[in-house]
């Protein structure tokens, strides 16, 4: 179950451009931390910190293989965030429907 606190953590995690790029890199495959870091012009400790934030926000998973740590995006983590965002979309559509029905009723009343 996704809580508002974890939604906040996910939104904060995704607000940082490096983290979004990391997610893009590991959306379809696992990558080692060093392999991820090699794709950026920032230090390995900085990438490690970004990975930690993404993991704590439940947007990525971490698996150890020997001395390596392998990372992959968690599709269900993104699905949880999408579900939260969709609640706003659904509420907006409901308001639009109500406004259209009110306008149609008013127009029908004017024609009578």
PDB file of N, CA and C in Angstrom:
ATOM      1  N   UNK A   1       0.840  -1.186   0.000  1.00  0.00           N
ATOM      2  CA  UNK A   1       0.000   0.000   0.000  1.00  0.00           C
ATOM      3  C   UNK A   1       0.879   1.241   0.000  1.00  0.00           C
ATOM      4  N   UNK A   2       0.625   2.113  -0.923  1.00  0.00           N
ATOM      5  CA  UNK A   2       1.395   3.339  -1.046  1.00  0.00           C
ATOM      6  C   UNK A   2       0.823   4.391  -0.115  1.00  0.00           C
ATOM      7  N   UNK A   3       1.677   5.004   0.676  1.00  0.00           N
ATOM      8  CA  UNK A   3       1.224   6.051   1.573  1.00  0.00           C
ATOM      9  C   UNK A   3       1.589   7.403   0.989  1.00  0.00           C
ATOM     10  N   UNK A   4       0.963   8.440   1.517  1.00  0.00           N
ATOM     11  CA  UNK A   4       1.269   9.783   1.054  1.00  0.00           C
ATOM     12  C   UNK A   4       2.738  10.096   1.281  1.00  0.00           C
ATOM     13  N   UNK A   5       3.301   9.578   2.368  1.00  0.00           N
ATOM     14  CA  UNK A   5       4.713   9.796   2.659  1.00  0.00           C
ATOM     15  C   UNK A   5       5.588   9.181   1.572  1.00  0.00           C
ATOM     16  N   UNK A   6       5.258   7.974   1.106  1.00  0.00           N
ATOM     17  CA  UNK A   6       6.073   7.358   0.062  1.00  0.00           C
ATOM     18  C   UNK A   6       5.851   8.040  -1.282  1.00  0.00           C
ATOM     19  N   UNK A   7       4.650   8.575  -1.531  1.00  0.00           N
ATOM     20  CA  UNK A   7       4.418   9.351  -2.749  1.00  0.00           C
ATOM     21  C   UNK A   7       5.313  10.581  -2.733  1.00  0.00           C
ATOM     22  N   UNK A   8       5.393  11.251  -1.589  1.00  0.00           N
ATOM     23  CA  UNK A   8       6.265  12.418  -1.467  1.00  0.00           C
ATOM     24  C   UNK A   8       7.714  12.039  -1.767  1.00  0.00           C
ATOM     25  N   UNK A   9       8.162  10.912  -1.233  1.00  0.00           N
ATOM     26  CA  UNK A   9       9.536  10.459  -1.461  1.00  0.00           C
ATOM     27  C   UNK A   9       9.765  10.171  -2.945  1.00  0.00           C
ATOM     28  N   UNK A  10       8.794   9.577  -3.600  1.00  0.00           N
ATOM     29  CA  UNK A  10       8.941   9.268  -5.022  1.00  0.00           C
ATOM     30  C   UNK A  10       8.974  10.536  -5.856  1.00  0.00           C
ATOM     31  N   UNK A  11       8.134  11.485  -5.536  1.00  0.00           N
ATOM     32  CA  UNK A  11       8.126  12.741  -6.287  1.00  0.00           C
ATOM     33  C   UNK A  11       9.444  13.479  -6.094  1.00  0.00           C
ATOM     34  N   UNK A  12       9.934  13.524  -4.859  1.00  0.00           N
ATOM     35  CA  UNK A  12      11.236  14.164  -4.611  1.00  0.00           C
ATOM     36  C   UNK A  12      12.354  13.431  -5.352  1.00  0.00           C
ATOM     37  N   UNK A  13      12.291  12.107  -5.354  1.00  0.00           N
ATOM     38  CA  UNK A  13      13.329  11.331  -6.039  1.00  0.00           C
ATOM     39  C   UNK A  13      13.326  11.622  -7.535  1.00  0.00           C
ATOM     40  N   UNK A  14      12.159  11.723  -8.113  1.00  0.00           N
ATOM     41  CA  UNK A  14      12.050  11.945  -9.563  1.00  0.00           C
ATOM     42  C   UNK A  14      12.301  13.391  -9.968  1.00  0.00           C
ATOM     43  N   UNK A  15      12.315  14.291  -9.012  1.00  0.00           N
ATOM     44  CA  UNK A  15      12.548  15.700  -9.327  1.00  0.00           C
ATOM     45  C   UNK A  15      13.985  15.955  -9.779  1.00  0.00           C
ATOM     46  N   UNK A  16      14.896  15.082  -9.436  1.00  0.00           N
ATOM     47  CA  UNK A  16      16.311  15.259  -9.750  1.00  0.00           C
ATOM     48  C   UNK A  16      16.625  14.633 -11.111  1.00  0.00           C
ATOM     49  N   UNK A  17      17.161  15.406 -12.060  1.00  0.00           N
ATOM     50  CA  UNK A  17      17.412  14.894 -13.421  1.00  0.00           C
ATOM     51  C   UNK A  17      18.320  13.665 -13.497  1.00  0.00           C
ATOM     52  N   UNK A  18      19.356  13.600 -12.663  1.00  0.00           N
ATOM     53  CA  UNK A  18      20.229  12.424 -12.688  1.00  0.00           C
ATOM     54  C   UNK A  18      19.454  11.154 -12.332  1.00  0.00           C
ATOM     55  N   UNK A  19      18.550  11.266 -11.385  1.00  0.00           N
ATOM     56  CA  UNK A  19      17.775  10.097 -10.960  1.00  0.00           C
ATOM     57  C   UNK A  19      16.824   9.639 -12.061  1.00  0.00           C
ATOM     58  N   UNK A  20      16.233  10.591 -12.754  1.00  0.00           N
ATOM     59  CA  UNK A  20      15.362  10.199 -13.870  1.00  0.00           C
ATOM     60  C   UNK A  20      16.183   9.497 -14.945  1.00  0.00           C
ATOM     61  N   UNK A  21      17.374   9.982 -15.198  1.00  0.00           N
ATOM     62  CA  UNK A  21      18.237   9.347 -16.202  1.00  0.00           C
ATOM     63  C   UNK A  21      18.662   7.950 -15.755  1.00  0.00           C
ATOM     64  N   UNK A  22      18.945   7.791 -14.475  1.00  0.00           N
ATOM     65  CA  UNK A  22      19.284   6.460 -13.946  1.00  0.00           C
ATOM     66  C   UNK A  22      18.115   5.512 -14.183  1.00  0.00           C
ATOM     67  N   UNK A  23      16.903   5.962 -13.889  1.00  0.00           N
ATOM     68  CA  UNK A  23      15.728   5.117 -14.116  1.00  0.00           C
ATOM     69  C   UNK A  23      15.612   4.711 -15.577  1.00  0.00           C
ATOM     70  N   UNK A  24      15.888   5.642 -16.476  1.00  0.00           N
ATOM     71  CA  UNK A  24      15.839   5.315 -17.899  1.00  0.00           C
ATOM     72  C   UNK A  24      16.868   4.237 -18.249  1.00  0.00           C
ATOM     73  N   UNK A  25      18.050   4.326 -17.658  1.00  0.00           N
ATOM     74  CA  UNK A  25      19.108   3.350 -17.935  1.00  0.00           C
ATOM     75  C   UNK A  25      18.739   1.948 -17.469  1.00  0.00           C
ATOM     76  N   UNK A  26      18.038   1.855 -16.343  1.00  0.00           N
ATOM     77  CA  UNK A  26      17.790   0.534 -15.754  1.00  0.00           C
ATOM     78  C   UNK A  26      16.334   0.105 -15.868  1.00  0.00           C
ATOM     79  N   UNK A  27      15.603   0.735 -16.757  1.00  0.00           N
ATOM     80  CA  UNK A  27      14.186   0.373 -16.866  1.00  0.00           C
ATOM     81  C   UNK A  27      13.979  -1.017 -17.462  1.00  0.00           C
ATOM     82  N   UNK A  28      14.886  -1.462 -18.315  1.00  0.00           N
ATOM     83  CA  UNK A  28      14.710  -2.749 -18.990  1.00  0.00           C
ATOM     84  C   UNK A  28      15.757  -3.798 -18.638  1.00  0.00           C
ATOM     85  N   UNK A  29      16.756  -3.399 -17.851  1.00  0.00           N
ATOM     86  CA  UNK A  29      17.810  -4.365 -17.510  1.00  0.00           C
ATOM     87  C   UNK A  29      18.519  -3.958 -16.234  1.00  0.00           C
ATOM     88  N   UNK A  30      19.120  -4.943 -15.616  1.00  0.00           N
ATOM     89  CA  UNK A  30      19.928  -4.682 -14.432  1.00  0.00           C
ATOM     90  C   UNK A  30      21.263  -4.097 -14.854  1.00  0.00           C
ATOM     91  N   UNK A  31      21.762  -3.220 -14.014  1.00  0.00           N
ATOM     92  CA  UNK A  31      23.095  -2.666 -14.234  1.00  0.00           C
ATOM     93  C   UNK A  31      23.799  -2.559 -12.889  1.00  0.00           C
ATOM     94  N   UNK A  32      25.094  -2.790 -12.921  1.00  0.00           N
ATOM     95  CA  UNK A  32      25.912  -2.634 -11.719  1.00  0.00           C
ATOM     96  C   UNK A  32      26.098  -1.146 -11.436  1.00  0.00           C
ATOM     97  N   UNK A  33      26.304  -0.834 -10.173  1.00  0.00           N
ATOM     98  CA  UNK A  33      26.479   0.561  -9.764  1.00  0.00           C
ATOM     99  C   UNK A  33      27.622   1.219 -10.535  1.00  0.00           C
ATOM    100  N   UNK A  34      28.718   0.513 -10.699  1.00  0.00           N
ATOM    101  CA  UNK A  34      29.861   1.072 -11.428  1.00  0.00           C
ATOM    102  C   UNK A  34      29.540   1.336 -12.889  1.00  0.00           C
ATOM    103  N   UNK A  35      28.767   0.459 -13.486  1.00  0.00           N
ATOM    104  CA  UNK A  35      28.358   0.629 -14.881  1.00  0.00           C
ATOM    105  C   UNK A  35      27.443   1.853 -15.026  1.00  0.00           C
ATOM    106  N   UNK A  36      26.580   2.044 -14.045  1.00  0.00           N
ATOM    107  CA  UNK A  36      25.708   3.225 -14.050  1.00  0.00           C
ATOM    108  C   UNK A  36      26.557   4.480 -13.892  1.00  0.00           C
ATOM    109  N   UNK A  37      27.453   4.468 -12.916  1.00  0.00           N
ATOM    110  CA  UNK A  37      28.293   5.633 -12.631  1.00  0.00           C
ATOM    111  C   UNK A  37      29.142   6.026 -13.832  1.00  0.00           C
ATOM    112  N   UNK A  38      29.575   5.046 -14.621  1.00  0.00           N
ATOM    113  CA  UNK A  38      30.414   5.334 -15.783  1.00  0.00           C
ATOM    114  C   UNK A  38      29.687   6.167 -16.840  1.00  0.00           C
ATOM    115  N   UNK A  39      28.380   6.215 -16.776  1.00  0.00           N
ATOM    116  CA  UNK A  39      27.582   6.961 -17.759  1.00  0.00           C
ATOM    117  C   UNK A  39      27.340   8.419 -17.354  1.00  0.00           C
ATOM    118  N   UNK A  40      27.894   8.823 -16.211  1.00  0.00           N
ATOM    119  CA  UNK A  40      27.652  10.169 -15.698  1.00  0.00           C
ATOM    120  C   UNK A  40      28.965  10.900 -15.452  1.00  0.00           C
ATOM    121  N   UNK A  41      28.888  12.217 -15.486  1.00  0.00           N
ATOM    122  CA  UNK A  41      30.052  13.052 -15.202  1.00  0.00           C
ATOM    123  C   UNK A  41      30.037  13.537 -13.750  1.00  0.00           C
ATOM    124  N   UNK A  42      29.574  12.682 -12.861  1.00  0.00           N
ATOM    125  CA  UNK A  42      29.589  12.982 -11.428  1.00  0.00           C
ATOM    126  C   UNK A  42      30.319  11.836 -10.731  1.00  0.00           C
ATOM    127  N   UNK A  43      30.660  12.047  -9.489  1.00  0.00           N
ATOM    128  CA  UNK A  43      31.433  11.037  -8.758  1.00  0.00           C
ATOM    129  C   UNK A  43      30.607   9.780  -8.482  1.00  0.00           C
ATOM    130  N   UNK A  44      31.319   8.686  -8.262  1.00  0.00           N
ATOM    131  CA  UNK A  44      30.643   7.436  -7.893  1.00  0.00           C
ATOM    132  C   UNK A  44      29.868   7.572  -6.587  1.00  0.00           C
ATOM    133  N   UNK A  45      30.427   8.261  -5.576  1.00  0.00           N
ATOM    134  CA  UNK A  45      29.634   8.443  -4.351  1.00  0.00           C
ATOM    135  C   UNK A  45      28.324   9.207  -4.617  1.00  0.00           C
ATOM    136  N   UNK A  46      28.349  10.157  -5.544  1.00  0.00           N
ATOM    137  CA  UNK A  46      27.115  10.890  -5.869  1.00  0.00           C
ATOM    138  C   UNK A  46      26.097   9.950  -6.504  1.00  0.00           C
ATOM    139  N   UNK A  47      26.541   9.090  -7.408  1.00  0.00           N
ATOM    140  CA  UNK A  47      25.635   8.119  -8.032  1.00  0.00           C
ATOM    141  C   UNK A  47      25.113   7.145  -6.978  1.00  0.00           C
ATOM    142  N   UNK A  48      25.980   6.732  -6.069  1.00  0.00           N
ATOM    143  CA  UNK A  48      25.556   5.847  -4.986  1.00  0.00           C
ATOM    144  C   UNK A  48      24.455   6.502  -4.156  1.00  0.00           C
ATOM    145  N   UNK A  49      24.598   7.790  -3.897  1.00  0.00           N
ATOM    146  CA  UNK A  49      23.573   8.511  -3.143  1.00  0.00           C
ATOM    147  C   UNK A  49      22.262   8.573  -3.933  1.00  0.00           C
ATOM    148  N   UNK A  50      22.347   8.829  -5.232  1.00  0.00           N
ATOM    149  CA  UNK A  50      21.145   8.848  -6.075  1.00  0.00           C
ATOM    150  C   UNK A  50      20.458   7.476  -6.062  1.00  0.00           C
ATOM    151  N   UNK A  51      21.240   6.418  -6.155  1.00  0.00           N
ATOM    152  CA  UNK A  51      20.679   5.066  -6.117  1.00  0.00           C
ATOM    153  C   UNK A  51      19.997   4.797  -4.777  1.00  0.00           C
ATOM    154  N   UNK A  52      20.598   5.274  -3.720  1.00  0.00           N
ATOM    155  CA  UNK A  52      20.016   5.093  -2.391  1.00  0.00           C
ATOM    156  C   UNK A  52      18.668   5.806  -2.279  1.00  0.00           C
ATOM    157  N   UNK A  53      18.586   7.017  -2.787  1.00  0.00           N
ATOM    158  CA  UNK A  53      17.326   7.765  -2.745  1.00  0.00           C
ATOM    159  C   UNK A  53      16.259   7.048  -3.565  1.00  0.00           C
ATOM    160  N   UNK A  54      16.621   6.577  -4.753  1.00  0.00           N
ATOM    161  CA  UNK A  54      15.669   5.848  -5.598  1.00  0.00           C
ATOM    162  C   UNK A  54      15.204   4.556  -4.938  1.00  0.00           C
ATOM    163  N   UNK A  55      16.124   3.865  -4.276  1.00  0.00           N
ATOM    164  CA  UNK A  55      15.768   2.610  -3.591  1.00  0.00           C
ATOM    165  C   UNK A  55      14.850   2.884  -2.406  1.00  0.00           C
ATOM    166  N   UNK A  56      15.152   3.908  -1.621  1.00  0.00           N
ATOM    167  CA  UNK A  56      14.310   4.252  -0.472  1.00  0.00           C
ATOM    168  C   UNK A  56      12.912   4.693  -0.912  1.00  0.00           C
ATOM    169  N   UNK A  57      12.820   5.278  -2.102  1.00  0.00           N
ATOM    170  CA  UNK A  57      11.521   5.688  -2.641  1.00  0.00           C
ATOM    171  C   UNK A  57      10.803   4.510  -3.308  1.00  0.00           C
ATOM    172  N   UNK A  58      11.412   3.344  -3.270  1.00  0.00           N
ATOM    173  CA  UNK A  58      10.857   2.107  -3.840  1.00  0.00           C
ATOM    174  C   UNK A  58      10.671   2.180  -5.357  1.00  0.00           C
ATOM    175  N   UNK A  59      11.531   2.962  -6.012  1.00  0.00           N
ATOM    176  CA  UNK A  59      11.466   3.065  -7.463  1.00  0.00           C
ATOM    177  C   UNK A  59      12.426   2.106  -8.144  1.00  0.00           C
ATOM    178  N   UNK A  60      13.416   1.611  -7.397  1.00  0.00           N
ATOM    179  CA  UNK A  60      14.359   0.633  -7.948  1.00  0.00           C
ATOM    180  C   UNK A  60      14.565  -0.490  -6.937  1.00  0.00           C
ATOM    181  N   UNK A  61      15.046  -1.607  -7.447  1.00  0.00           N
ATOM    182  CA  UNK A  61      15.418  -2.718  -6.568  1.00  0.00           C
ATOM    183  C   UNK A  61      16.922  -2.914  -6.662  1.00  0.00           C
ATOM    184  N   UNK A  62      17.459  -3.494  -5.619  1.00  0.00           N
ATOM    185  CA  UNK A  62      18.893  -3.758  -5.544  1.00  0.00           C
ATOM    186  C   UNK A  62      19.081  -5.245  -5.277  1.00  0.00           C
ATOM    187  N   UNK A  63      20.008  -5.849  -6.029  1.00  0.00           N
ATOM    188  CA  UNK A  63      20.324  -7.259  -5.831  1.00  0.00           C
ATOM    189  C   UNK A  63      21.832  -7.392  -5.772  1.00  0.00           C
ATOM    190  N   UNK A  64      22.291  -8.163  -4.795  1.00  0.00           N
ATOM    191  CA  UNK A  64      23.735  -8.399  -4.690  1.00  0.00           C
ATOM    192  C   UNK A  64      24.111  -9.652  -5.461  1.00  0.00           C
ATOM    193  N   UNK A  65      25.191  -9.538  -6.170  1.00  0.00           N
ATOM    194  CA  UNK A  65      25.752 -10.674  -6.894  1.00  0.00           C
ATOM    195  C   UNK A  65      27.255 -10.646  -6.655  1.00  0.00           C
ATOM    196  N   UNK A  66      27.704 -11.478  -5.736  1.00  0.00           N
ATOM    197  CA  UNK A  66      29.110 -11.436  -5.346  1.00  0.00           C
ATOM    198  C   UNK A  66      29.397 -10.110  -4.671  1.00  0.00           C
ATOM    199  N   UNK A  67      30.360  -9.378  -5.204  1.00  0.00           N
ATOM    200  CA  UNK A  67      30.692  -8.072  -4.630  1.00  0.00           C
ATOM    201  C   UNK A  67      29.963  -6.934  -5.341  1.00  0.00           C
ATOM    202  N   UNK A  68      29.204  -7.259  -6.365  1.00  0.00           N
ATOM    203  CA  UNK A  68      28.485  -6.228  -7.124  1.00  0.00           C
ATOM    204  C   UNK A  68      27.080  -6.022  -6.584  1.00  0.00           C
ATOM    205  N   UNK A  69      26.604  -4.819  -6.759  1.00  0.00           N
ATOM    206  CA  UNK A  69      25.212  -4.498  -6.486  1.00  0.00           C
ATOM    207  C   UNK A  69      24.576  -4.162  -7.826  1.00  0.00           C
ATOM    208  N   UNK A  70      23.511  -4.884  -8.122  1.00  0.00           N
ATOM    209  CA  UNK A  70      22.823  -4.692  -9.395  1.00  0.00           C
ATOM    210  C   UNK A  70      21.497  -3.983  -9.150  1.00  0.00           C
ATOM    211  N   UNK A  71      21.193  -3.040 -10.016  1.00  0.00           N
ATOM    212  CA  UNK A  71      19.987  -2.222  -9.851  1.00  0.00           C
ATOM    213  C   UNK A  71      19.087  -2.367 -11.063  1.00  0.00           C
ATOM    214  N   UNK A  72      17.794  -2.301 -10.792  1.00  0.00           N
ATOM    215  CA  UNK A  72      16.780  -2.362 -11.841  1.00  0.00           C
ATOM    216  C   UNK A  72      15.581  -1.535 -11.390  1.00  0.00           C
ATOM    217  N   UNK A  73      14.927  -0.877 -12.346  1.00  0.00           N
ATOM    218  CA  UNK A  73      13.719  -0.121 -12.026  1.00  0.00           C
ATOM    219  C   UNK A  73      12.621  -1.081 -11.588  1.00  0.00           C
ATOM    220  N   UNK A  74      11.814  -0.648 -10.644  1.00  0.00           N
ATOM    221  CA  UNK A  74      10.663  -1.433 -10.173  1.00  0.00           C
ATOM    222  C   UNK A  74       9.416  -0.917 -10.885  1.00  0.00           C
ATOM    223  N   UNK A  75       8.932  -1.635 -11.890  1.00  0.00           N
ATOM    224  CA  UNK A  75       7.731  -1.162 -12.587  1.00  0.00           C
ATOM    225  C   UNK A  75       6.546  -0.965 -11.646  1.00  0.00           C
ATOM    226  N   UNK A  76       6.431  -1.805 -10.638  1.00  0.00           N
ATOM    227  CA  UNK A  76       5.318  -1.644  -9.708  1.00  0.00           C
ATOM    228  C   UNK A  76       5.473  -0.388  -8.864  1.00  0.00           C
ATOM    229  N   UNK A  77       6.692   0.058  -8.623  1.00  0.00           N
ATOM    230  CA  UNK A  77       6.901   1.317  -7.913  1.00  0.00           C
ATOM    231  C   UNK A  77       6.376   2.489  -8.709  1.00  0.00           C
ATOM    232  N   UNK A  78       6.643   2.480  -9.981  1.00  0.00           N
ATOM    233  CA  UNK A  78       6.128   3.530 -10.848  1.00  0.00           C
ATOM    234  C   UNK A  78       4.620   3.412 -11.020  1.00  0.00           C
ATOM    235  N   UNK A  79       4.107   2.195 -11.012  1.00  0.00           N
ATOM    236  CA  UNK A  79       2.658   1.990 -11.133  1.00  0.00           C
ATOM    237  C   UNK A  79       1.937   2.586  -9.924  1.00  0.00           C
ATOM    238  N   UNK A  80       2.541   2.469  -8.741  1.00  0.00           N
ATOM    239  CA  UNK A  80       1.942   3.039  -7.537  1.00  0.00           C
ATOM    240  C   UNK A  80       1.843   4.561  -7.668  1.00  0.00           C
ATOM    241  N   UNK A  81       2.911   5.189  -8.138  1.00  0.00           N
ATOM    242  CA  UNK A  81       2.919   6.633  -8.312  1.00  0.00           C
ATOM    243  C   UNK A  81       1.918   7.045  -9.390  1.00  0.00           C
ATOM    244  N   UNK A  82       1.853   6.282 -10.455  1.00  0.00           N
ATOM    245  CA  UNK A  82       0.895   6.556 -11.526  1.00  0.00           C
ATOM    246  C   UNK A  82      -0.535   6.485 -10.982  1.00  0.00           C
ATOM    247  N   UNK A  83      -0.807   5.518 -10.143  1.00  0.00           N
ATOM    248  CA  UNK A  83      -2.131   5.397  -9.538  1.00  0.00           C
ATOM    249  C   UNK A  83      -2.491   6.630  -8.727  1.00  0.00           C
ATOM    250  N   UNK A  84      -1.524   7.148  -7.996  1.00  0.00           N
ATOM    251  CA  UNK A  84      -1.757   8.364  -7.221  1.00  0.00           C
ATOM    252  C   UNK A  84      -2.069   9.530  -8.147  1.00  0.00           C
ATOM    253  N   UNK A  85      -1.292   9.690  -9.197  1.00  0.00           N
ATOM    254  CA  UNK A  85      -1.503  10.790 -10.143  1.00  0.00           C
ATOM    255  C   UNK A  85      -2.839  10.625 -10.866  1.00  0.00           C
ATOM    256  N   UNK A  86      -3.203   9.394 -11.174  1.00  0.00           N
ATOM    257  CA  UNK A  86      -4.468   9.137 -11.865  1.00  0.00           C
ATOM    258  C   UNK A  86      -5.681   9.572 -11.046  1.00  0.00           C
ATOM    259  N   UNK A  87      -5.554   9.598  -9.720  1.00  0.00           N
ATOM    260  CA  UNK A  87      -6.695  10.043  -8.913  1.00  0.00           C
ATOM    261  C   UNK A  87      -7.029  11.499  -9.216  1.00  0.00           C
ATOM    262  N   UNK A  88      -6.019  12.300  -9.527  1.00  0.00           N
ATOM    263  CA  UNK A  88      -6.263  13.692  -9.880  1.00  0.00           C
ATOM    264  C   UNK A  88      -6.916  13.800 -11.252  1.00  0.00           C
ATOM    265  N   UNK A  89      -6.463  12.964 -12.168  1.00  0.00           N
ATOM    266  CA  UNK A  89      -7.018  12.947 -13.518  1.00  0.00           C
ATOM    267  C   UNK A  89      -8.490  12.547 -13.473  1.00  0.00           C
ATOM    268  N   UNK A  90      -8.820  11.521 -12.725  1.00  0.00           N
ATOM    269  CA  UNK A  90     -10.202  11.051 -12.632  1.00  0.00           C
ATOM    270  C   UNK A  90     -11.092  12.132 -12.015  1.00  0.00           C
ATOM    271  N   UNK A  91     -10.611  12.800 -10.991  1.00  0.00           N
ATOM    272  CA  UNK A  91     -11.404  13.859 -10.346  1.00  0.00           C
ATOM    273  C   UNK A  91     -11.633  15.007 -11.329  1.00  0.00           C
ATOM    274  N   UNK A  92     -10.635  15.341 -12.116  1.00  0.00           N
ATOM    275  CA  UNK A  92     -10.775  16.401 -13.108  1.00  0.00           C
ATOM    276  C   UNK A  92     -11.790  16.032 -14.178  1.00  0.00           C
ATOM    277  N   UNK A  93     -11.764  14.772 -14.603  1.00  0.00           N
ATOM    278  CA  UNK A  93     -12.739  14.321 -15.601  1.00  0.00           C
ATOM    279  C   UNK A  93     -14.151  14.349 -15.034  1.00  0.00           C
ATOM    280  N   UNK A  94     -14.308  13.988 -13.772  1.00  0.00           N
ATOM    281  CA  UNK A  94     -15.625  14.038 -13.138  1.00  0.00           C
ATOM    282  C   UNK A  94     -16.149  15.473 -13.099  1.00  0.00           C
ATOM    283  N   UNK A  95     -15.272  16.427 -12.755  1.00  0.00           N
ATOM    284  CA  UNK A  95     -15.692  17.836 -12.722  1.00  0.00           C
ATOM    285  C   UNK A  95     -16.063  18.325 -14.118  1.00  0.00           C
ATOM    286  N   UNK A  96     -15.306  17.924 -15.125  1.00  0.00           N
ATOM    287  CA  UNK A  96     -15.598  18.312 -16.501  1.00  0.00           C
ATOM    288  C   UNK A  96     -16.945  17.746 -16.946  1.00  0.00           C
ATOM    289  N   UNK A  97     -17.204  16.490 -16.590  1.00  0.00           N
ATOM    290  CA  UNK A  97     -18.483  15.849 -16.931  1.00  0.00           C
ATOM    291  C   UNK A  97     -19.635  16.594 -16.270  1.00  0.00           C
ATOM    292  N   UNK A  98     -19.494  16.922 -14.987  1.00  0.00           N
ATOM    293  CA  UNK A  98     -20.544  17.643 -14.273  1.00  0.00           C
ATOM    294  C   UNK A  98     -20.796  19.010 -14.904  1.00  0.00           C
ATOM    295  N   UNK A  99     -19.735  19.709 -15.283  1.00  0.00           N
ATOM    296  CA  UNK A  99     -19.886  21.028 -15.902  1.00  0.00           C
ATOM    297  C   UNK A  99     -20.587  20.914 -17.254  1.00  0.00           C
ATOM    298  N   UNK A 100     -20.212  19.901 -18.039  1.00  0.00           N
ATOM    299  CA  UNK A 100     -20.850  19.706 -19.346  1.00  0.00           C
ATOM    300  C   UNK A 100     -22.322  19.376 -19.192  1.00  0.00           C
ATOM    301  N   UNK A 101     -22.668  18.530 -18.214  1.00  0.00           N
ATOM    302  CA  UNK A 101     -24.064  18.175 -17.982  1.00  0.00           C
ATOM    303  C   UNK A 101     -24.869  19.381 -17.499  1.00  0.00           C
ATOM    304  N   UNK A 102     -24.273  20.208 -16.664  1.00  0.00           N
ATOM    305  CA  UNK A 102     -24.946  21.424 -16.176  1.00  0.00           C
ATOM    306  C   UNK A 102     -25.189  22.374 -17.327  1.00  0.00           C
ATOM    307  N   UNK A 103     -24.195  22.540 -18.180  1.00  0.00           N
ATOM    308  CA  UNK A 103     -24.330  23.412 -19.343  1.00  0.00           C
ATOM    309  C   UNK A 103     -25.394  22.880 -20.303  1.00  0.00           C
ATOM    310  N   UNK A 104     -25.407  21.574 -20.529  1.00  0.00           N
ATOM    311  CA  UNK A 104     -26.407  20.968 -21.416  1.00  0.00           C
ATOM    312  C   UNK A 104     -27.815  21.146 -20.834  1.00  0.00           C
ATOM    313  N   UNK A 105     -27.961  20.996 -19.523  1.00  0.00           N
ATOM    314  CA  UNK A 105     -29.266  21.185 -18.884  1.00  0.00           C
ATOM    315  C   UNK A 105     -29.723  22.620 -18.998  1.00  0.00           C
ATOM    316  N   UNK A 106     -28.784  23.555 -18.797  1.00  0.00           N
ATOM    317  CA  UNK A 106     -29.123  24.974 -18.891  1.00  0.00           C
ATOM    318  C   UNK A 106     -29.529  25.332 -20.313  1.00  0.00           C
ATOM    319  N   UNK A 107     -28.803  24.780 -21.296  1.00  0.00           N
ATOM    320  CA  UNK A 107     -29.124  25.045 -22.709  1.00  0.00           C
ATOM    321  C   UNK A 107     -30.487  24.466 -23.056  1.00  0.00           C
ATOM    322  N   UNK A 108     -30.794  23.274 -22.537  1.00  0.00           N
ATOM    323  CA  UNK A 108     -32.095  22.651 -22.803  1.00  0.00           C
ATOM    324  C   UNK A 108     -33.214  23.464 -22.163  1.00  0.00           C
ATOM    325  N   UNK A 109     -32.964  24.053 -21.009  1.00  0.00           N
ATOM    326  CA  UNK A 109     -33.959  24.869 -20.319  1.00  0.00           C
ATOM    327  C   UNK A 109     -34.234  26.161 -21.066  1.00  0.00           C
ATOM    328  N   UNK A 110     -33.230  26.723 -21.710  1.00  0.00           N
ATOM    329  CA  UNK A 110     -33.382  27.964 -22.476  1.00  0.00           C
ATOM    330  C   UNK A 110     -34.191  27.728 -23.738  1.00  0.00           C
ATOM    331  N   UNK A 111     -34.107  26.521 -24.306  1.00  0.00           N
ATOM    332  CA  UNK A 111     -34.800  26.189 -25.542  1.00  0.00           C
ATOM    333  C   UNK A 111     -36.295  25.975 -25.295  1.00  0.00           C
ATOM    334  N   UNK A 112     -36.687  25.659 -24.068  1.00  0.00           N
ATOM    335  CA  UNK A 112     -38.095  25.362 -23.766  1.00  0.00           C
ATOM    336  C   UNK A 112     -38.958  26.593 -23.736  1.00  0.00           C
TER     337      UNK A 112
END
